N, C-alpha and C. Protein backbone atom coordinates (compact mmCIF):
# COMPACT_ATOMS: atom_id res chain seq x y z
N UNK A 1 3.75 12.44 30.08
CA UNK A 1 2.92 12.12 29.17
C UNK A 1 0.89 12.51 29.50
N UNK A 2 0.44 12.97 29.07
CA UNK A 2 -1.08 13.32 29.33
C UNK A 2 -2.07 11.79 29.06
N UNK A 3 -2.57 11.37 29.81
CA UNK A 3 -3.79 10.21 29.43
C UNK A 3 -3.99 10.65 27.94
N UNK A 4 -4.27 11.39 27.49
CA UNK A 4 -4.79 11.55 25.98
C UNK A 4 -3.94 11.00 24.67
N UNK A 5 -2.48 11.46 25.28
CA UNK A 5 -1.36 10.92 24.41
C UNK A 5 -1.29 9.31 25.19
N UNK A 6 -1.42 9.07 25.61
CA UNK A 6 -1.45 7.41 26.41
C UNK A 6 -2.61 6.53 25.80
N UNK A 7 -3.72 7.66 25.45
CA UNK A 7 -4.37 7.08 24.83
C UNK A 7 -4.46 6.48 23.70
N UNK A 8 -3.96 7.53 22.63
CA UNK A 8 -3.71 7.67 21.60
C UNK A 8 -2.46 6.74 21.39
N UNK A 9 -1.41 6.56 21.70
CA UNK A 9 -0.45 5.47 21.47
C UNK A 9 -1.26 3.89 21.76
N UNK A 10 -1.81 3.80 22.90
CA UNK A 10 -3.06 2.51 22.95
C UNK A 10 -3.61 2.00 21.52
N UNK A 11 -4.43 2.66 21.65
CA UNK A 11 -4.77 2.67 20.02
C UNK A 11 -4.08 2.29 18.84
N UNK A 12 -2.92 3.27 18.57
CA UNK A 12 -2.40 3.07 17.57
C UNK A 12 -1.14 1.47 17.58
N UNK A 13 -0.82 1.32 18.73
CA UNK A 13 -0.40 0.00 19.22
C UNK A 13 -1.81 -0.91 18.86
N UNK A 14 -2.85 -1.08 18.62
CA UNK A 14 -3.89 -2.24 18.73
C UNK A 14 -3.61 -2.34 17.15
N UNK A 15 -3.55 -0.78 16.49
CA UNK A 15 -3.52 -0.96 15.05
C UNK A 15 -2.42 -1.39 14.34
N UNK A 16 -1.29 -1.05 14.45
CA UNK A 16 0.00 -1.72 14.33
C UNK A 16 -0.15 -3.03 14.49
N UNK A 17 -0.39 -3.46 15.56
CA UNK A 17 -0.61 -4.96 15.83
C UNK A 17 -1.80 -5.77 15.16
N UNK A 18 -2.77 -5.24 15.05
CA UNK A 18 -3.50 -5.37 13.52
C UNK A 18 -3.23 -5.91 12.65
N UNK A 19 -2.39 -4.70 12.07
CA UNK A 19 -1.94 -4.64 10.54
C UNK A 19 -0.74 -5.80 10.36
N UNK A 20 0.42 -5.98 11.74
CA UNK A 20 1.28 -7.21 11.63
C UNK A 20 0.21 -8.17 11.44
N UNK A 21 -0.50 -8.67 12.19
CA UNK A 21 -1.58 -9.93 12.16
C UNK A 21 -2.13 -9.98 10.61
N UNK A 22 -2.51 -8.97 10.56
CA UNK A 22 -3.55 -9.15 8.72
C UNK A 22 -2.61 -9.32 8.00
N UNK A 23 -1.28 -8.83 7.85
CA UNK A 23 -0.60 -8.95 6.53
C UNK A 23 -0.06 -10.21 6.60
N UNK A 24 -0.21 -10.87 7.93
CA UNK A 24 0.45 -12.39 7.99
C UNK A 24 -1.04 -13.23 7.71
N UNK A 25 -2.27 -12.94 7.79
CA UNK A 25 -3.24 -14.23 8.26
C UNK A 25 -4.25 -13.46 7.51
N UNK A 26 -4.95 -11.98 7.40
CA UNK A 26 -5.93 -12.12 6.42
C UNK A 26 -6.69 -11.23 7.43
N UNK A 27 -7.54 -10.39 7.20
CA UNK A 27 -8.45 -10.15 7.62
C UNK A 27 -9.68 -11.03 8.67
N UNK A 28 -10.07 -11.89 7.70
CA UNK A 28 -10.87 -12.77 7.99
C UNK A 28 -9.95 -14.15 9.14
N UNK A 29 -8.78 -14.02 8.72
CA UNK A 29 -8.31 -14.81 9.85
C UNK A 29 -7.52 -14.73 11.43
N UNK A 30 -8.11 -13.23 11.17
CA UNK A 30 -7.83 -12.71 12.54
C UNK A 30 -9.25 -11.89 13.35
N UNK A 31 -9.13 -12.77 14.46
CA UNK A 31 -10.29 -12.84 15.76
C UNK A 31 -9.75 -11.84 16.52
N UNK A 32 -10.89 -11.54 17.10
CA UNK A 32 -10.85 -10.00 18.38
C UNK A 32 -10.01 -10.81 19.62
N UNK A 33 -9.96 -12.08 19.98
CA UNK A 33 -9.38 -12.77 20.95
C UNK A 33 -8.26 -12.79 20.75
N UNK A 34 -7.40 -13.13 19.27
CA UNK A 34 -6.11 -13.44 18.83
C UNK A 34 -5.28 -11.58 19.28
N UNK A 35 -6.57 -10.54 18.44
CA UNK A 35 -5.72 -9.53 18.55
C UNK A 35 -5.21 -9.41 20.37
N UNK A 36 -6.17 -9.27 21.14
CA UNK A 36 -6.63 -8.97 22.21
C UNK A 36 -5.40 -9.71 22.84
N UNK A 37 -4.73 -11.01 22.33
CA UNK A 37 -3.72 -11.57 23.36
C UNK A 37 -2.06 -11.22 22.72
N UNK A 38 -2.06 -10.73 21.39
CA UNK A 38 -0.89 -10.10 21.17
C UNK A 38 -0.74 -8.88 21.59
N UNK A 39 -1.92 -8.23 22.00
CA UNK A 39 -1.53 -6.97 22.21
C UNK A 39 -1.45 -6.64 23.97
N UNK A 40 -1.88 -7.81 24.50
CA UNK A 40 -2.01 -8.26 25.90
C UNK A 40 -3.01 -6.67 26.55
N UNK A 41 -4.33 -6.49 26.02
CA UNK A 41 -5.37 -5.92 26.60
C UNK A 41 -6.99 -6.13 26.93
N UNK A 42 -7.23 -5.89 27.69
CA UNK A 42 -8.79 -6.60 27.50
C UNK A 42 -9.95 -6.32 27.03
N UNK A 43 -10.94 -6.90 26.81
CA UNK A 43 -11.23 -7.22 25.67
C UNK A 43 -12.55 -5.79 25.57
N UNK A 44 -12.23 -4.88 26.84
CA UNK A 44 -12.93 -3.45 27.13
C UNK A 44 -11.79 -2.71 26.35
N UNK A 45 -10.84 -2.46 26.23
CA UNK A 45 -9.75 -1.56 25.71
C UNK A 45 -9.97 -1.80 24.32
N UNK A 46 -10.28 -2.85 23.88
CA UNK A 46 -10.67 -2.88 22.15
C UNK A 46 -11.63 -2.12 22.66
N UNK A 47 -13.00 -2.52 22.68
CA UNK A 47 -14.30 -1.38 22.24
C UNK A 47 -14.12 -0.46 22.78
N UNK A 48 -13.56 0.36 23.42
CA UNK A 48 -13.36 1.87 23.91
C UNK A 48 -12.87 2.54 22.61
N UNK A 49 -12.57 1.63 21.90
CA UNK A 49 -11.49 1.89 20.25
C UNK A 49 -12.11 1.79 19.44
N UNK A 50 -12.97 0.80 19.13
CA UNK A 50 -13.33 0.59 18.14
C UNK A 50 -14.95 -0.52 18.43
N UNK A 51 -16.05 0.13 17.77
CA UNK A 51 -17.17 -0.23 18.37
C UNK A 51 -17.71 -1.87 17.64
N UNK A 52 -16.59 -2.09 16.72
CA UNK A 52 -16.73 -3.81 16.09
C UNK A 52 -15.44 -3.81 15.61
N UNK A 53 -15.46 -4.94 15.34
CA UNK A 53 -14.48 -5.74 14.03
C UNK A 53 -14.20 -4.68 13.06
N UNK A 54 -15.57 -4.61 12.44
CA UNK A 54 -15.63 -3.85 10.67
C UNK A 54 -15.10 -2.59 11.11
N UNK A 55 -15.49 -1.87 12.67
CA UNK A 55 -14.44 -0.91 12.95
C UNK A 55 -13.41 -0.49 12.85
N UNK A 56 -12.91 -1.68 13.50
CA UNK A 56 -11.42 -1.97 13.58
C UNK A 56 -10.50 -1.92 12.61
N UNK A 57 -11.63 -2.70 11.91
CA UNK A 57 -11.18 -2.94 10.14
C UNK A 57 -10.93 -1.67 9.09
N UNK A 58 -12.03 -0.54 9.59
CA UNK A 58 -11.50 0.71 9.02
C UNK A 58 -10.47 1.70 9.25
N UNK A 59 -10.94 1.31 10.67
CA UNK A 59 -9.16 2.42 11.06
C UNK A 59 -8.24 1.87 10.61
N UNK A 60 -8.41 0.70 10.63
CA UNK A 60 -7.34 0.02 10.24
C UNK A 60 -6.58 0.26 9.03
N UNK A 61 -7.29 0.41 7.87
CA UNK A 61 -6.78 0.53 6.36
C UNK A 61 -6.94 1.93 6.64
N UNK A 62 -7.31 3.06 7.21
CA UNK A 62 -6.88 4.16 7.02
C UNK A 62 -5.83 4.86 7.94
N UNK A 63 -5.09 4.23 8.63
CA UNK A 63 -4.36 4.68 9.32
C UNK A 63 -3.02 3.75 8.22
N UNK A 64 -3.49 2.45 7.49
CA UNK A 64 -2.52 1.97 6.41
C UNK A 64 -2.09 3.12 5.40
N UNK A 65 -3.26 3.73 4.61
CA UNK A 65 -3.63 4.60 3.73
C UNK A 65 -2.67 5.78 3.52
N UNK A 66 -2.82 6.48 5.13
CA UNK A 66 -2.37 7.75 5.42
C UNK A 66 -0.83 7.43 5.48
N UNK A 67 -0.49 6.33 6.04
CA UNK A 67 0.97 5.85 6.20
C UNK A 67 1.62 6.01 4.79
N UNK A 68 1.19 4.52 4.41
CA UNK A 68 1.51 4.35 3.18
C UNK A 68 1.60 6.08 1.71
N UNK A 69 0.73 6.83 1.71
CA UNK A 69 0.73 8.04 1.07
C UNK A 69 1.69 8.90 1.66
N UNK A 70 2.19 8.88 2.49
CA UNK A 70 2.62 9.86 3.55
C UNK A 70 4.01 9.29 2.74
N UNK A 71 4.54 8.25 3.23
CA UNK A 71 6.00 7.74 2.85
C UNK A 71 6.03 8.01 0.99
N UNK A 72 5.12 8.07 0.76
CA UNK A 72 5.53 7.97 -0.85
C UNK A 72 5.75 9.49 -0.93
N UNK A 73 5.14 10.32 -0.48
CA UNK A 73 4.53 11.89 -0.52
C UNK A 73 6.03 12.10 -0.60
N UNK A 74 6.54 11.28 0.77
CA UNK A 74 8.18 11.49 1.23
C UNK A 74 9.27 11.33 -0.47
N UNK A 75 8.92 10.13 -0.44
CA UNK A 75 10.22 9.36 -1.99
C UNK A 75 9.34 10.21 -2.95
N UNK A 76 8.67 10.47 -3.57
CA UNK A 76 7.94 11.54 -4.27
C UNK A 76 8.67 13.21 -4.85
N UNK A 77 8.88 13.83 -3.38
CA UNK A 77 9.27 15.05 -3.16
C UNK A 77 10.94 14.81 -2.98
N UNK A 78 11.81 14.07 -3.10
CA UNK A 78 13.05 13.72 -3.04
C UNK A 78 13.62 14.73 -4.15
N UNK A 79 14.57 14.98 -4.26
CA UNK A 79 15.55 15.46 -5.22
C UNK A 79 15.46 14.51 -6.51
N UNK A 80 15.57 15.05 -7.78
CA UNK A 80 15.72 14.05 -9.02
C UNK A 80 14.37 14.45 -9.82
N UNK A 81 14.95 13.11 -11.25
CA UNK A 81 13.77 13.40 -12.23
C UNK A 81 13.07 12.17 -11.60
N UNK A 82 12.03 12.71 -12.83
CA UNK A 82 10.54 11.91 -12.40
C UNK A 82 10.78 10.64 -12.52
N UNK A 83 11.32 10.13 -13.58
CA UNK A 83 11.46 8.58 -14.08
C UNK A 83 12.27 7.80 -12.67
N UNK A 84 13.38 8.58 -12.35
CA UNK A 84 14.25 7.94 -10.70
C UNK A 84 13.10 8.22 -9.97
N UNK A 85 12.45 9.05 -9.47
CA UNK A 85 11.59 8.34 -8.27
C UNK A 85 10.47 7.69 -8.66
N UNK A 86 10.01 7.42 -9.70
CA UNK A 86 9.11 6.83 -10.02
C UNK A 86 10.43 4.67 -10.20
N UNK A 87 10.96 4.63 -11.26
CA UNK A 87 11.96 4.01 -10.48
C UNK A 87 12.30 3.32 -9.17
N UNK A 88 12.39 4.58 -8.33
CA UNK A 88 12.41 4.28 -7.25
C UNK A 88 11.49 3.48 -6.28
N UNK A 89 10.45 3.88 -6.69
CA UNK A 89 9.33 3.67 -6.09
C UNK A 89 8.48 2.32 -6.28
N UNK A 90 8.85 1.46 -8.04
CA UNK A 90 8.44 0.24 -8.39
C UNK A 90 10.15 -0.51 -8.08
N UNK A 91 10.99 0.17 -7.51
CA UNK A 91 12.25 -0.93 -7.35
C UNK A 91 11.51 -1.23 -5.52
N UNK A 92 10.88 -0.21 -4.90
CA UNK A 92 10.53 -0.48 -3.45
C UNK A 92 9.61 -1.70 -3.20
N UNK A 93 9.04 -2.11 -4.60
CA UNK A 93 8.48 -3.19 -4.92
C UNK A 93 9.21 -4.84 -4.25
N UNK A 94 10.37 -4.77 -4.52
CA UNK A 94 10.94 -5.65 -4.50
C UNK A 94 11.53 -5.57 -2.82
N UNK A 95 11.92 -6.99 -2.46
CA UNK A 95 12.91 -7.28 -1.28
C UNK A 95 14.24 -6.39 -1.78
N UNK A 96 14.53 -5.80 -0.72
CA UNK A 96 16.26 -5.25 -1.05
C UNK A 96 16.82 -5.41 0.13
N UNK A 97 17.86 -6.22 0.28
CA UNK A 97 19.13 -7.09 1.05
C UNK A 97 18.19 -7.07 2.51
N UNK A 98 17.38 -8.17 2.19
CA UNK A 98 16.68 -8.96 3.08
C UNK A 98 15.47 -7.91 4.39
N UNK A 99 15.37 -7.21 3.72
CA UNK A 99 14.66 -6.48 4.16
C UNK A 99 12.91 -6.47 3.17
N UNK A 100 11.81 -6.73 3.82
CA UNK A 100 10.38 -7.03 2.87
C UNK A 100 10.54 -6.16 1.53
N UNK A 101 9.71 -5.72 0.59
CA UNK A 101 9.33 -4.86 -0.35
C UNK A 101 7.54 -4.51 -0.01
N UNK A 102 7.27 -3.72 -0.78
CA UNK A 102 5.85 -3.31 -0.83
C UNK A 102 5.05 -4.55 -1.08
N UNK A 103 5.34 -5.17 -2.06
CA UNK A 103 4.63 -6.17 -2.32
C UNK A 103 4.33 -6.57 -0.72
N UNK A 104 5.04 -7.49 -0.50
CA UNK A 104 4.93 -7.84 0.68
C UNK A 104 4.26 -7.58 1.91
N UNK A 105 4.18 -6.52 2.12
CA UNK A 105 3.36 -5.63 2.91
C UNK A 105 2.08 -5.12 2.70
N UNK A 106 1.81 -4.61 1.48
CA UNK A 106 0.68 -4.01 0.59
C UNK A 106 -0.62 -4.45 1.05
N UNK A 107 -1.22 -4.21 1.76
CA UNK A 107 -2.85 -4.63 2.01
C UNK A 107 -3.71 -4.58 0.94
N UNK A 108 -2.92 -3.91 0.18
CA UNK A 108 -4.24 -3.69 -1.22
C UNK A 108 -4.28 -4.96 -1.84
N UNK A 109 -3.15 -5.51 -1.86
CA UNK A 109 -2.54 -7.24 -2.59
C UNK A 109 -3.05 -8.34 -1.66
N UNK A 110 -2.92 -7.77 -0.18
CA UNK A 110 -3.73 -9.27 0.98
C UNK A 110 -4.93 -8.62 1.25
N UNK A 111 -5.67 -7.42 0.88
CA UNK A 111 -6.87 -7.53 1.47
C UNK A 111 -8.13 -7.16 0.49
N UNK A 112 -7.48 -6.72 -0.90
CA UNK A 112 -8.12 -6.43 -2.17
C UNK A 112 -9.59 -6.68 -2.15
N UNK A 113 -9.59 -8.30 -2.64
CA UNK A 113 -10.42 -9.07 -3.46
C UNK A 113 -11.23 -9.42 -1.75
N UNK A 114 -10.57 -9.66 -0.75
CA UNK A 114 -11.18 -10.09 0.74
C UNK A 114 -12.72 -8.67 1.01
N UNK A 115 -12.20 -7.52 1.22
CA UNK A 115 -12.96 -6.44 1.81
C UNK A 115 -13.63 -6.31 0.87
N UNK A 116 -13.74 -6.19 -0.48
CA UNK A 116 -14.44 -5.73 -1.59
C UNK A 116 -16.01 -6.72 -0.88
N UNK A 117 -15.80 -7.82 -0.84
CA UNK A 117 -17.16 -8.40 -0.71
C UNK A 117 -17.01 -8.61 0.82
N UNK A 118 -16.63 -8.35 2.19
CA UNK A 118 -17.44 -8.50 2.89
C UNK A 118 -17.54 -7.00 4.27
N UNK A 119 -16.92 -6.02 3.15
CA UNK A 119 -17.30 -4.31 4.02
C UNK A 119 -17.15 -3.88 2.92
N UNK A 120 -18.65 -3.14 2.56
CA UNK A 120 -18.35 -1.55 1.79
C UNK A 120 -17.34 -0.45 2.14
N UNK A 121 -17.64 -0.19 3.39
CA UNK A 121 -17.05 0.59 4.02
C UNK A 121 -15.13 0.86 4.01
N UNK A 122 -14.88 -0.50 4.38
CA UNK A 122 -13.75 -1.18 3.88
C UNK A 122 -12.75 -0.53 2.84
N UNK A 123 -14.08 -1.43 1.47
CA UNK A 123 -13.71 -0.97 0.59
C UNK A 123 -13.16 0.07 0.20
N UNK A 124 -14.41 0.90 0.21
CA UNK A 124 -14.75 2.62 -0.38
C UNK A 124 -12.62 2.56 0.01
N UNK A 125 -12.25 2.64 1.40
CA UNK A 125 -11.11 3.19 1.57
C UNK A 125 -10.38 2.97 1.23
N UNK A 126 -10.22 1.59 0.56
CA UNK A 126 -9.04 0.65 -0.02
C UNK A 126 -8.90 1.78 -1.50
N UNK A 127 -10.34 2.19 -1.88
CA UNK A 127 -10.47 2.17 -3.30
C UNK A 127 -10.29 3.62 -3.61
N UNK A 128 -10.36 4.42 -2.57
CA UNK A 128 -10.23 5.81 -2.08
C UNK A 128 -8.87 6.18 -2.31
N UNK A 129 -7.68 5.11 -1.51
CA UNK A 129 -6.30 5.43 -1.53
C UNK A 129 -5.59 4.78 -2.65
N UNK A 130 -5.75 3.83 -3.20
CA UNK A 130 -5.60 3.70 -4.58
C UNK A 130 -5.78 4.46 -5.61
N UNK A 131 -6.64 5.39 -5.34
CA UNK A 131 -7.17 6.42 -6.19
C UNK A 131 -5.85 7.61 -6.48
N UNK A 132 -5.64 7.84 -4.99
CA UNK A 132 -4.93 8.95 -4.11
C UNK A 132 -3.39 8.33 -4.83
N UNK A 133 -3.06 7.15 -5.24
CA UNK A 133 -1.72 6.61 -5.15
C UNK A 133 -1.89 6.50 -6.71
N UNK A 134 -2.44 6.45 -7.44
CA UNK A 134 -2.66 6.76 -8.83
C UNK A 134 -2.64 8.17 -9.72
N UNK A 135 -3.20 8.80 -8.93
CA UNK A 135 -2.97 10.46 -9.25
C UNK A 135 -1.81 10.62 -8.57
N UNK A 136 -1.08 10.60 -7.75
CA UNK A 136 0.61 10.72 -7.45
C UNK A 136 1.00 10.51 -8.41
N UNK A 137 1.26 8.91 -9.34
CA UNK A 137 1.77 8.28 -10.39
C UNK A 137 1.77 9.39 -11.87
N UNK A 138 0.22 9.55 -11.75
CA UNK A 138 0.08 10.05 -13.47
C UNK A 138 0.40 11.73 -12.87
N UNK A 139 1.06 12.20 -11.73
CA UNK A 139 1.13 13.60 -12.16
C UNK A 139 3.01 13.24 -11.79
N UNK A 140 3.67 11.76 -11.62
CA UNK A 140 5.09 12.07 -12.23
C UNK A 140 4.84 11.59 -13.39
N UNK A 141 4.25 11.29 -14.16
CA UNK A 141 4.06 10.87 -15.64
C UNK A 141 4.35 12.08 -16.34
N UNK A 142 3.16 13.56 -16.16
CA UNK A 142 3.36 14.81 -16.22
C UNK A 142 4.56 15.18 -16.06
N UNK A 143 5.20 14.91 -14.82
CA UNK A 143 6.74 15.40 -14.72
C UNK A 143 7.81 15.16 -15.73
N UNK A 144 7.75 14.05 -15.80
CA UNK A 144 8.57 13.37 -16.71
C UNK A 144 8.45 13.26 -18.10
N UNK A 145 7.48 14.35 -18.30
CA UNK A 145 7.44 14.53 -20.01
C UNK A 145 8.20 15.98 -19.99
N UNK A 146 7.92 16.71 -18.69
CA UNK A 146 8.63 18.13 -19.13
C UNK A 146 9.76 18.05 -18.57
N UNK A 147 10.43 17.00 -17.47
CA UNK A 147 11.75 16.81 -17.67
C UNK A 147 12.75 16.10 -18.74
N UNK A 148 11.79 15.60 -19.40
CA UNK A 148 12.81 14.75 -20.94
C UNK A 148 13.32 13.74 -19.96
N UNK A 149 12.43 12.49 -19.02
CA UNK A 149 12.50 11.43 -18.67
C UNK A 149 11.88 10.21 -18.92
N UNK A 150 10.51 10.77 -19.28
CA UNK A 150 9.55 10.08 -19.35
C UNK A 150 9.10 9.71 -20.90
N UNK A 151 8.23 9.50 -21.67
CA UNK A 151 8.26 9.43 -22.83
C UNK A 151 6.48 9.91 -22.63
N UNK A 152 5.86 10.53 -23.60
CA UNK A 152 4.95 10.97 -23.06
C UNK A 152 3.35 10.54 -23.35
N UNK A 153 1.93 10.22 -22.66
CA UNK A 153 1.51 9.33 -23.02
C UNK A 153 0.11 10.50 -23.48
N UNK A 154 -1.03 9.56 -23.93
CA UNK A 154 -2.15 10.12 -24.36
C UNK A 154 -2.74 10.88 -23.35
N UNK A 155 -3.27 9.81 -22.32
CA UNK A 155 -4.03 9.53 -21.28
C UNK A 155 -3.11 9.26 -20.12
N UNK A 156 -2.45 10.18 -19.35
CA UNK A 156 -1.75 10.14 -18.49
C UNK A 156 -2.38 9.04 -17.08
N UNK A 157 -3.72 9.31 -16.99
CA UNK A 157 -4.29 8.82 -15.59
C UNK A 157 -4.60 7.40 -15.92
N UNK A 158 -4.68 6.99 -17.01
CA UNK A 158 -4.90 5.87 -17.60
C UNK A 158 -3.95 4.73 -17.85
N UNK A 159 -2.82 5.64 -18.28
CA UNK A 159 -1.37 4.96 -18.11
C UNK A 159 -0.88 4.67 -16.51
N UNK A 160 -1.05 5.39 -15.46
CA UNK A 160 -1.08 5.45 -13.95
C UNK A 160 -1.83 4.03 -13.32
N UNK A 161 -2.88 4.36 -13.72
CA UNK A 161 -3.84 3.08 -13.14
C UNK A 161 -3.60 1.77 -14.10
N UNK A 162 -3.14 1.67 -15.40
CA UNK A 162 -2.59 0.57 -16.12
C UNK A 162 -1.44 -0.13 -15.18
N UNK A 163 -0.07 0.62 -15.30
CA UNK A 163 0.96 0.38 -14.38
C UNK A 163 0.39 -0.15 -12.93
N UNK A 164 -0.12 0.96 -12.30
CA UNK A 164 -0.97 0.32 -10.89
C UNK A 164 -1.04 -1.50 -10.96
N UNK A 165 -1.85 -1.32 -11.71
CA UNK A 165 -2.56 -2.35 -11.85
C UNK A 165 -1.78 -3.59 -12.39
N UNK A 166 -0.54 -3.13 -13.10
CA UNK A 166 0.00 -4.39 -13.15
C UNK A 166 1.36 -4.72 -12.25
N UNK A 167 1.28 -3.94 -11.10
CA UNK A 167 2.23 -4.18 -9.98
C UNK A 167 1.62 -4.95 -9.42
N UNK A 168 0.24 -4.95 -9.20
CA UNK A 168 -0.79 -5.68 -8.50
C UNK A 168 -0.76 -7.14 -8.95
N UNK A 169 -0.99 -6.91 -10.03
CA UNK A 169 -1.11 -8.67 -10.58
C UNK A 169 0.29 -9.31 -10.33
N UNK A 170 1.56 -8.29 -10.71
CA UNK A 170 2.98 -9.27 -10.70
C UNK A 170 3.25 -9.87 -8.86
N UNK A 171 2.28 -8.57 -7.70
CA UNK A 171 2.94 -9.14 -6.66
C UNK A 171 2.01 -10.47 -6.11
N UNK A 172 0.58 -10.45 -6.62
CA UNK A 172 0.00 -11.76 -6.43
C UNK A 172 0.71 -12.71 -7.39
N UNK A 173 1.09 -12.58 -8.11
CA UNK A 173 1.86 -14.35 -8.77
C UNK A 173 3.02 -14.25 -7.81
N UNK A 174 3.97 -13.67 -7.50
CA UNK A 174 4.81 -13.24 -6.67
C UNK A 174 4.56 -14.32 -5.67
N UNK A 175 3.44 -13.88 -5.12
CA UNK A 175 3.21 -14.85 -3.45
C UNK A 175 3.01 -15.99 -3.91
N UNK A 176 2.23 -16.35 -4.92
CA UNK A 176 1.95 -17.63 -5.77
C UNK A 176 3.09 -18.31 -5.76
N UNK A 177 4.13 -17.81 -6.83
CA UNK A 177 5.32 -18.37 -6.65
C UNK A 177 6.13 -18.46 -6.07
N UNK A 178 6.00 -17.02 -4.82
CA UNK A 178 7.10 -17.66 -3.57
C UNK A 178 8.35 -16.88 -4.43
N UNK A 179 8.40 -16.02 -5.22
CA UNK A 179 9.58 -15.66 -6.21
C UNK A 179 9.72 -14.06 -6.62
N UNK A 180 10.81 -13.71 -6.47
CA UNK A 180 10.34 -12.04 -7.14
C UNK A 180 10.20 -11.95 -8.43
N UNK A 181 10.31 -13.08 -9.17
CA UNK A 181 10.61 -13.28 -10.76
C UNK A 181 9.15 -12.54 -11.15
N UNK A 182 8.24 -12.19 -10.83
CA UNK A 182 7.12 -11.51 -11.70
C UNK A 182 7.49 -10.03 -11.08
N UNK A 183 7.67 -9.72 -10.41
CA UNK A 183 8.18 -8.06 -10.25
C UNK A 183 9.26 -7.81 -10.76
N UNK A 184 10.00 -8.44 -10.75
CA UNK A 184 11.29 -8.15 -12.05
C UNK A 184 10.88 -8.09 -13.51
N UNK A 185 10.29 -8.96 -13.64
CA UNK A 185 9.96 -8.71 -15.14
C UNK A 185 8.75 -7.31 -15.14
N UNK A 186 7.89 -7.71 -14.25
CA UNK A 186 7.84 -6.22 -14.22
C UNK A 186 8.02 -4.74 -13.97
N UNK A 187 9.23 -4.63 -13.45
CA UNK A 187 10.27 -3.88 -13.40
C UNK A 187 10.56 -3.45 -14.75
N UNK A 188 11.54 -4.60 -15.81
CA UNK A 188 11.99 -4.05 -16.64
C UNK A 188 10.68 -3.58 -17.94
N UNK A 189 9.19 -4.47 -17.40
CA UNK A 189 8.90 -3.95 -19.35
C UNK A 189 8.04 -2.50 -18.79
N UNK A 190 7.73 -2.20 -16.69
CA UNK A 190 7.80 -0.47 -16.70
C UNK A 190 8.73 0.71 -17.34
N UNK A 191 9.99 -0.16 -17.17
CA UNK A 191 11.03 0.59 -17.44
C UNK A 191 11.33 1.11 -18.98
N UNK A 192 10.47 0.06 -19.86
CA UNK A 192 11.01 -0.10 -21.41
C UNK A 192 9.86 0.68 -21.32
N UNK A 193 8.55 0.67 -20.59
CA UNK A 193 7.34 1.26 -21.23
C UNK A 193 7.59 2.78 -20.97
N UNK A 194 7.82 3.12 -19.77
CA UNK A 194 8.12 4.45 -19.07
C UNK A 194 9.30 5.42 -20.23
N UNK A 195 10.29 4.82 -20.51
CA UNK A 195 11.75 5.21 -21.24
C UNK A 195 10.71 6.24 -22.71
N UNK A 196 11.74 7.75 -22.63
CA UNK A 196 11.29 8.31 -23.73
C UNK A 196 11.66 7.91 -24.62
N UNK A 197 13.23 6.72 -24.92
CA UNK A 197 13.81 6.23 -26.44
C UNK A 197 12.63 5.28 -26.62
N UNK A 198 11.88 4.82 -26.29
CA UNK A 198 10.76 4.01 -26.46
C UNK A 198 9.87 3.68 -26.88
N UNK A 199 9.15 5.46 -27.60
CA UNK A 199 8.41 5.97 -28.29
C UNK A 199 7.50 5.24 -29.59
């Protein structure tokens, strides 16, 4: 293994560990000392990769957005109708068979309000990631009209953003209530809203 590969792996280890901590404690709740302890690395190693905690936060969100969109692209390019792909995406927000769903692991849900006030650079990264996801959803809405599985909307982009906002809100309510009921309601409402039989 080359030194560059080892270096990349160590940096990724810091980001992966940081993501797990931030999902649990929030960005402000994770100090560098805690991160160093969890990663079992010296302070110098952290600053070799990241100039500051804010720079770490930016890298963390860039890594998260890239990973998230890659998984979404895999899901959306699978065989099946546009409606089936969208339904699979919405269903993935709920916990399935003991595993955590998107809502639990979503850094937009966890950090959206926090980083918007904390770091302009981090806010831009998250906002750009959301825009790219919404564009993918809007494209599937258009595909669904073509394959006859999704009703036609005058503005698919606005509809996609509205649906994503609905799911973000449901995810926050699910965290507050510690139940999946808001997500289950969002799934039922979204399915009804998209059905070509409910025009």
